[in-house]
PDB file of N, CA and C in Angstrom:
ATOM      1  N   MET A   1     161.407  61.017  87.589  1.00  0.00           N
ATOM      2  CA  MET A   1     160.205  61.085  88.416  1.00  0.00           C
ATOM      3  C   MET A   1     159.083  61.674  87.559  1.00  0.00           C
ATOM      4  N   ASN A   2     158.011  60.950  87.413  1.00  0.00           N
ATOM      5  CA  ASN A   2     156.909  61.449  86.589  1.00  0.00           C
ATOM      6  C   ASN A   2     155.941  62.275  87.428  1.00  0.00           C
ATOM      7  N   ASP A   3     154.938  62.833  86.754  1.00  0.00           N
ATOM      8  CA  ASP A   3     153.994  63.736  87.412  1.00  0.00           C
ATOM      9  C   ASP A   3     153.151  63.033  88.473  1.00  0.00           C
ATOM     10  N   THR A   4     152.796  61.788  88.233  1.00  0.00           N
ATOM     11  CA  THR A   4     151.965  61.050  89.186  1.00  0.00           C
ATOM     12  C   THR A   4     152.707  60.808  90.488  1.00  0.00           C
ATOM     13  N   THR A   5     153.980  60.457  90.393  1.00  0.00           N
ATOM     14  CA  THR A   5     154.780  60.225  91.595  1.00  0.00           C
ATOM     15  C   THR A   5     154.972  61.518  92.374  1.00  0.00           C
ATOM     16  N   LEU A   6     155.209  62.601  91.657  1.00  0.00           N
ATOM     17  CA  LEU A   6     155.379  63.894  92.315  1.00  0.00           C
ATOM     18  C   LEU A   6     154.097  64.313  93.029  1.00  0.00           C
ATOM     19  N   LEU A   7     152.958  64.112  92.366  1.00  0.00           N
ATOM     20  CA  LEU A   7     151.672  64.458  92.966  1.00  0.00           C
ATOM     21  C   LEU A   7     151.414  63.627  94.223  1.00  0.00           C
ATOM     22  N   LYS A   8     151.731  62.343  94.178  1.00  0.00           N
ATOM     23  CA  LYS A   8     151.543  61.482  95.341  1.00  0.00           C
ATOM     24  C   LYS A   8     152.440  61.914  96.497  1.00  0.00           C
ATOM     25  N   ASN A   9     153.677  62.293  96.197  1.00  0.00           N
ATOM     26  CA  ASN A   9     154.588  62.741  97.252  1.00  0.00           C
ATOM     27  C   ASN A   9     154.101  64.043  97.895  1.00  0.00           C
ATOM     28  N   VAL A  10     153.616  64.961  97.067  1.00  0.00           N
ATOM     29  CA  VAL A  10     153.111  66.230  97.598  1.00  0.00           C
ATOM     30  C   VAL A  10     151.858  65.987  98.443  1.00  0.00           C
ATOM     31  N   LEU A  11     150.951  65.159  97.937  1.00  0.00           N
ATOM     32  CA  LEU A  11     149.721  64.864  98.674  1.00  0.00           C
ATOM     33  C   LEU A  11     150.026  64.157  99.987  1.00  0.00           C
ATOM     34  N   ARG A  12     150.965  63.235  99.964  1.00  0.00           N
ATOM     35  CA  ARG A  12     151.357  62.523 101.179  1.00  0.00           C
ATOM     36  C   ARG A  12     151.929  63.487 102.212  1.00  0.00           C
ATOM     37  N   THR A  13     152.791  64.392 101.769  1.00  0.00           N
ATOM     38  CA  THR A  13     153.389  65.366 102.681  1.00  0.00           C
ATOM     39  C   THR A  13     152.336  66.301 103.259  1.00  0.00           C
ATOM     40  N   VAL A  14     151.421  66.754 102.412  1.00  0.00           N
ATOM     41  CA  VAL A  14     150.360  67.654 102.882  1.00  0.00           C
ATOM     42  C   VAL A  14     149.475  66.941 103.904  1.00  0.00           C
ATOM     43  N   LEU A  15     149.107  65.687 103.632  1.00  0.00           N
ATOM     44  CA  LEU A  15     148.280  64.935 104.581  1.00  0.00           C
ATOM     45  C   LEU A  15     148.999  64.739 105.917  1.00  0.00           C
ATOM     46  N   LEU A  16     150.277  64.449 105.882  1.00  0.00           N
ATOM     47  CA  LEU A  16     151.015  64.259 107.133  1.00  0.00           C
ATOM     48  C   LEU A  16     151.117  65.552 107.941  1.00  0.00           C
ATOM     49  N   VAL A  17     151.399  66.656 107.257  1.00  0.00           N
ATOM     50  CA  VAL A  17     151.525  67.945 107.958  1.00  0.00           C
ATOM     51  C   VAL A  17     150.173  68.381 108.522  1.00  0.00           C
ATOM     52  N   VAL A  18     149.121  68.270 107.715  1.00  0.00           N
ATOM     53  CA  VAL A  18     147.786  68.656 108.183  1.00  0.00           C
ATOM     54  C   VAL A  18     147.353  67.754 109.333  1.00  0.00           C
ATOM     55  N   GLY A  19     147.657  66.467 109.236  1.00  0.00           N
ATOM     56  CA  GLY A  19     147.320  65.540 110.316  1.00  0.00           C
ATOM     57  C   GLY A  19     147.994  65.910 111.618  1.00  0.00           C
ATOM     58  N   LEU A  20     149.281  66.227 111.546  1.00  0.00           N
ATOM     59  CA  LEU A  20     150.001  66.629 112.761  1.00  0.00           C
ATOM     60  C   LEU A  20     149.446  67.927 113.340  1.00  0.00           C
ATOM     61  N   LEU A  21     149.126  68.877 112.470  1.00  0.00           N
ATOM     62  CA  LEU A  21     148.568  70.144 112.952  1.00  0.00           C
ATOM     63  C   LEU A  21     147.198  69.946 113.603  1.00  0.00           C
ATOM     64  N   LEU A  22     146.355  69.124 113.003  1.00  0.00           N
ATOM     65  CA  LEU A  22     145.026  68.889 113.576  1.00  0.00           C
ATOM     66  C   LEU A  22     145.109  68.168 114.918  1.00  0.00           C
ATOM     67  N   VAL A  23     145.979  67.178 115.011  1.00  0.00           N
ATOM     68  CA  VAL A  23     146.134  66.471 116.291  1.00  0.00           C
ATOM     69  C   VAL A  23     146.685  67.424 117.346  1.00  0.00           C
ATOM     70  N   GLY A  24     147.673  68.225 116.977  1.00  0.00           N
ATOM     71  CA  GLY A  24     148.241  69.181 117.927  1.00  0.00           C
ATOM     72  C   GLY A  24     147.230  70.217 118.391  1.00  0.00           C
ATOM     73  N   TYR A  25     146.450  70.757 117.455  1.00  0.00           N
ATOM     74  CA  TYR A  25     145.430  71.743 117.813  1.00  0.00           C
ATOM     75  C   TYR A  25     144.334  71.119 118.668  1.00  0.00           C
ATOM     76  N   GLY A  26     143.944  69.899 118.332  1.00  0.00           N
ATOM     77  CA  GLY A  26     142.922  69.215 119.125  1.00  0.00           C
ATOM     78  C   GLY A  26     143.381  68.969 120.546  1.00  0.00           C
ATOM     79  N   LEU A  27     144.628  68.537 120.701  1.00  0.00           N
ATOM     80  CA  LEU A  27     145.166  68.314 122.049  1.00  0.00           C
ATOM     81  C   LEU A  27     145.292  69.627 122.815  1.00  0.00           C
ATOM     82  N   TYR A  28     145.700  70.686 122.111  1.00  0.00           N
ATOM     83  CA  TYR A  28     145.836  71.991 122.764  1.00  0.00           C
ATOM     84  C   TYR A  28     144.491  72.487 123.280  1.00  0.00           C
ATOM     85  N   THR A  29     143.459  72.403 122.445  1.00  0.00           N
ATOM     86  CA  THR A  29     142.141  72.884 122.880  1.00  0.00           C
ATOM     87  C   THR A  29     141.516  71.963 123.924  1.00  0.00           C
ATOM     88  N   LEU A  30     141.933  70.723 123.952  1.00  0.00           N
ATOM     89  CA  LEU A  30     141.422  69.791 124.950  1.00  0.00           C
ATOM     90  C   LEU A  30     142.000  70.091 126.326  1.00  0.00           C
ATOM     91  N   VAL A  31     143.245  70.517 126.373  1.00  0.00           N
ATOM     92  CA  VAL A  31     143.946  70.719 127.644  1.00  0.00           C
ATOM     93  C   VAL A  31     143.692  72.107 128.229  1.00  0.00           C
ATOM     94  N   THR A  32     143.630  73.126 127.381  1.00  0.00           N
ATOM     95  CA  THR A  32     143.491  74.491 127.895  1.00  0.00           C
ATOM     96  C   THR A  32     142.052  74.783 128.294  1.00  0.00           C
ATOM     97  N   PRO A  33     141.854  75.566 129.346  1.00  0.00           N
ATOM     98  CA  PRO A  33     140.494  75.951 129.733  1.00  0.00           C
ATOM     99  C   PRO A  33     139.907  76.930 128.718  1.00  0.00           C
ATOM    100  N   ASP A  34     138.590  76.926 128.606  1.00  0.00           N
ATOM    101  CA  ASP A  34     137.926  77.766 127.613  1.00  0.00           C
ATOM    102  C   ASP A  34     137.943  79.239 127.994  1.00  0.00           C
ATOM    103  N   VAL A  35     137.486  79.573 129.184  1.00  0.00           N
ATOM    104  CA  VAL A  35     137.377  80.971 129.598  1.00  0.00           C
ATOM    105  C   VAL A  35     137.969  81.111 130.996  1.00  0.00           C
ATOM    106  N   ILE A  36     138.819  82.106 131.160  1.00  0.00           N
ATOM    107  CA  ILE A  36     139.362  82.412 132.481  1.00  0.00           C
ATOM    108  C   ILE A  36     139.080  83.882 132.763  1.00  0.00           C
ATOM    109  N   MET A  37     138.427  84.121 133.892  1.00  0.00           N
ATOM    110  CA  MET A  37     138.150  85.484 134.313  1.00  0.00           C
ATOM    111  C   MET A  37     138.761  85.658 135.699  1.00  0.00           C
ATOM    112  N   GLN A  38     139.575  86.678 135.845  1.00  0.00           N
ATOM    113  CA  GLN A  38     140.225  86.897 137.129  1.00  0.00           C
ATOM    114  C   GLN A  38     140.002  88.342 137.560  1.00  0.00           C
ATOM    115  N   ALA A  39     139.459  88.491 138.767  1.00  0.00           N
ATOM    116  CA  ALA A  39     139.237  89.813 139.345  1.00  0.00           C
ATOM    117  C   ALA A  39     139.754  89.778 140.773  1.00  0.00           C
ATOM    118  N   GLY A  40     140.958  90.265 140.959  1.00  0.00           N
ATOM    119  CA  GLY A  40     141.564  90.227 142.284  1.00  0.00           C
ATOM    120  C   GLY A  40     141.849  88.791 142.692  1.00  0.00           C
ATOM    121  N   PRO A  41     141.440  88.403 143.902  1.00  0.00           N
ATOM    122  CA  PRO A  41     141.707  87.028 144.342  1.00  0.00           C
ATOM    123  C   PRO A  41     140.722  86.004 143.758  1.00  0.00           C
ATOM    124  N   LEU A  42     139.671  86.484 143.087  1.00  0.00           N
ATOM    125  CA  LEU A  42     138.654  85.597 142.532  1.00  0.00           C
ATOM    126  C   LEU A  42     139.042  85.176 141.115  1.00  0.00           C
ATOM    127  N   LYS A  43     139.057  83.870 140.870  1.00  0.00           N
ATOM    128  CA  LYS A  43     139.409  83.343 139.558  1.00  0.00           C
ATOM    129  C   LYS A  43     138.327  82.355 139.129  1.00  0.00           C
ATOM    130  N   VAL A  44     137.764  82.568 137.945  1.00  0.00           N
ATOM    131  CA  VAL A  44     136.685  81.720 137.442  1.00  0.00           C
ATOM    132  C   VAL A  44     137.133  81.076 136.135  1.00  0.00           C
ATOM    133  N   GLU A  45     137.019  79.745 136.058  1.00  0.00           N
ATOM    134  CA  GLU A  45     137.325  79.010 134.829  1.00  0.00           C
ATOM    135  C   GLU A  45     136.068  78.284 134.380  1.00  0.00           C
ATOM    136  N   ALA A  46     135.758  78.380 133.106  1.00  0.00           N
ATOM    137  CA  ALA A  46     134.577  77.703 132.563  1.00  0.00           C
ATOM    138  C   ALA A  46     135.037  76.597 131.618  1.00  0.00           C
ATOM    139  N   GLN A  47     134.521  75.416 131.817  1.00  0.00           N
ATOM    140  CA  GLN A  47     134.825  74.292 130.936  1.00  0.00           C
ATOM    141  C   GLN A  47     133.640  74.071 130.016  1.00  0.00           C
ATOM    142  N   GLY A  48     133.904  73.986 128.731  1.00  0.00           N
ATOM    143  CA  GLY A  48     132.839  73.780 127.758  1.00  0.00           C
ATOM    144  C   GLY A  48     132.845  72.367 127.216  1.00  0.00           C
ATOM    145  N   ASP A  49     132.096  72.183 126.178  1.00  0.00           N
ATOM    146  CA  ASP A  49     131.998  70.896 125.512  1.00  0.00           C
ATOM    147  C   ASP A  49     133.273  70.650 124.699  1.00  0.00           C
ATOM    148  N   LYS A  50     133.864  69.492 124.836  1.00  0.00           N
ATOM    149  CA  LYS A  50     135.136  69.190 124.178  1.00  0.00           C
ATOM    150  C   LYS A  50     134.971  68.325 122.930  1.00  0.00           C
ATOM    151  N   THR A  51     133.763  68.234 122.383  1.00  0.00           N
ATOM    152  CA  THR A  51     133.566  67.364 121.221  1.00  0.00           C
ATOM    153  C   THR A  51     134.319  67.869 119.997  1.00  0.00           C
ATOM    154  N   GLN A  52     134.480  69.186 119.855  1.00  0.00           N
ATOM    155  CA  GLN A  52     135.235  69.708 118.721  1.00  0.00           C
ATOM    156  C   GLN A  52     136.700  69.304 118.827  1.00  0.00           C
ATOM    157  N   SER A  53     137.239  69.260 120.027  1.00  0.00           N
ATOM    158  CA  SER A  53     138.619  68.835 120.212  1.00  0.00           C
ATOM    159  C   SER A  53     138.792  67.383 119.806  1.00  0.00           C
ATOM    160  N   TYR A  54     137.843  66.540 120.205  1.00  0.00           N
ATOM    161  CA  TYR A  54     137.908  65.131 119.830  1.00  0.00           C
ATOM    162  C   TYR A  54     137.773  64.953 118.323  1.00  0.00           C
ATOM    163  N   ALA A  55     136.939  65.772 117.693  1.00  0.00           N
ATOM    164  CA  ALA A  55     136.770  65.698 116.246  1.00  0.00           C
ATOM    165  C   ALA A  55     138.062  66.099 115.526  1.00  0.00           C
ATOM    166  N   MET A  56     138.732  67.132 116.023  1.00  0.00           N
ATOM    167  CA  MET A  56     140.003  67.554 115.419  1.00  0.00           C
ATOM    168  C   MET A  56     141.054  66.460 115.537  1.00  0.00           C
ATOM    169  N   ILE A  57     141.125  65.831 116.690  1.00  0.00           N
ATOM    170  CA  ILE A  57     142.088  64.748 116.885  1.00  0.00           C
ATOM    171  C   ILE A  57     141.758  63.580 115.959  1.00  0.00           C
ATOM    172  N   GLY A  58     140.482  63.244 115.837  1.00  0.00           N
ATOM    173  CA  GLY A  58     140.073  62.155 114.953  1.00  0.00           C
ATOM    174  C   GLY A  58     140.391  62.441 113.490  1.00  0.00           C
ATOM    175  N   LEU A  59     140.105  63.665 113.038  1.00  0.00           N
ATOM    176  CA  LEU A  59     140.427  64.033 111.660  1.00  0.00           C
ATOM    177  C   LEU A  59     141.934  64.037 111.420  1.00  0.00           C
ATOM    178  N   GLY A  60     142.681  64.470 112.424  1.00  0.00           N
ATOM    179  CA  GLY A  60     144.142  64.455 112.295  1.00  0.00           C
ATOM    180  C   GLY A  60     144.679  63.042 112.176  1.00  0.00           C
ATOM    181  N   ILE A  61     144.125  62.131 112.962  1.00  0.00           N
ATOM    182  CA  ILE A  61     144.562  60.735 112.881  1.00  0.00           C
ATOM    183  C   ILE A  61     144.209  60.148 111.520  1.00  0.00           C
ATOM    184  N   LEU A  62     143.014  60.472 111.002  1.00  0.00           N
ATOM    185  CA  LEU A  62     142.639  59.989 109.673  1.00  0.00           C
ATOM    186  C   LEU A  62     143.567  60.547 108.596  1.00  0.00           C
ATOM    187  N   ALA A  63     143.945  61.810 108.704  1.00  0.00           N
ATOM    188  CA  ALA A  63     144.869  62.401 107.734  1.00  0.00           C
ATOM    189  C   ALA A  63     146.241  61.740 107.827  1.00  0.00           C
ATOM    190  N   LEU A  64     146.698  61.438 109.045  1.00  0.00           N
ATOM    191  CA  LEU A  64     147.981  60.750 109.201  1.00  0.00           C
ATOM    192  C   LEU A  64     147.936  59.354 108.592  1.00  0.00           C
ATOM    193  N   ILE A  65     146.849  58.647 108.808  1.00  0.00           N
ATOM    194  CA  ILE A  65     146.701  57.314 108.225  1.00  0.00           C
ATOM    195  C   ILE A  65     146.681  57.407 106.696  1.00  0.00           C
ATOM    196  N   GLY A  66     146.001  58.411 106.167  1.00  0.00           N
ATOM    197  CA  GLY A  66     145.979  58.615 104.718  1.00  0.00           C
ATOM    198  C   GLY A  66     147.362  58.924 104.170  1.00  0.00           C
ATOM    199  N   GLY A  67     148.137  59.735 104.873  1.00  0.00           N
ATOM    200  CA  GLY A  67     149.492  60.041 104.445  1.00  0.00           C
ATOM    201  C   GLY A  67     150.393  58.830 104.474  1.00  0.00           C
ATOM    202  N   ILE A  68     150.234  57.999 105.471  1.00  0.00           N
ATOM    203  CA  ILE A  68     151.040  56.780 105.562  1.00  0.00           C
ATOM    204  C   ILE A  68     150.618  55.785 104.473  1.00  0.00           C
ATOM    205  N   ALA A  69     149.329  55.751 104.148  1.00  0.00           N
ATOM    206  CA  ALA A  69     148.845  54.838 103.107  1.00  0.00           C
ATOM    207  C   ALA A  69     149.407  55.218 101.741  1.00  0.00           C
ATOM    208  N   PHE A  70     149.608  56.508 101.473  1.00  0.00           N
ATOM    209  CA  PHE A  70     150.209  56.909 100.201  1.00  0.00           C
ATOM    210  C   PHE A  70     151.651  56.442 100.104  1.00  0.00           C
ATOM    211  N   LYS A  71     152.332  56.318 101.215  1.00  0.00           N
ATOM    212  CA  LYS A  71     153.723  55.884 101.198  1.00  0.00           C
ATOM    213  C   LYS A  71     153.806  54.411 100.789  1.00  0.00           C
ATOM    214  N   LYS A  72     152.854  53.612 101.197  1.00  0.00           N
ATOM    215  CA  LYS A  72     152.901  52.187 100.931  1.00  0.00           C
ATOM    216  C   LYS A  72     152.483  51.823  99.514  1.00  0.00           C
ATOM    217  N   ARG A  73     151.822  52.719  98.804  1.00  0.00           N
ATOM    218  CA  ARG A  73     151.370  52.431  97.429  1.00  0.00           C
ATOM    219  C   ARG A  73     152.461  52.645  96.440  1.00  0.00           C
TER     220      ARG A  73
END
């Protein structure tokens, strides 16, 4: 195994792991509420802008596609 093959395998693995982490984090932040305040029987939840969650999911998908593309080369 030469250095180029080893580098490609490491890069492919890193892209796949980072892609999975970004997709997982994006889905987690998309599903969970942003702020919860509870005082006795009163409970307040605030929903914010979810564009960062969508961006994380998109970047994760791009990283996964990049990792899969290294496998095919």
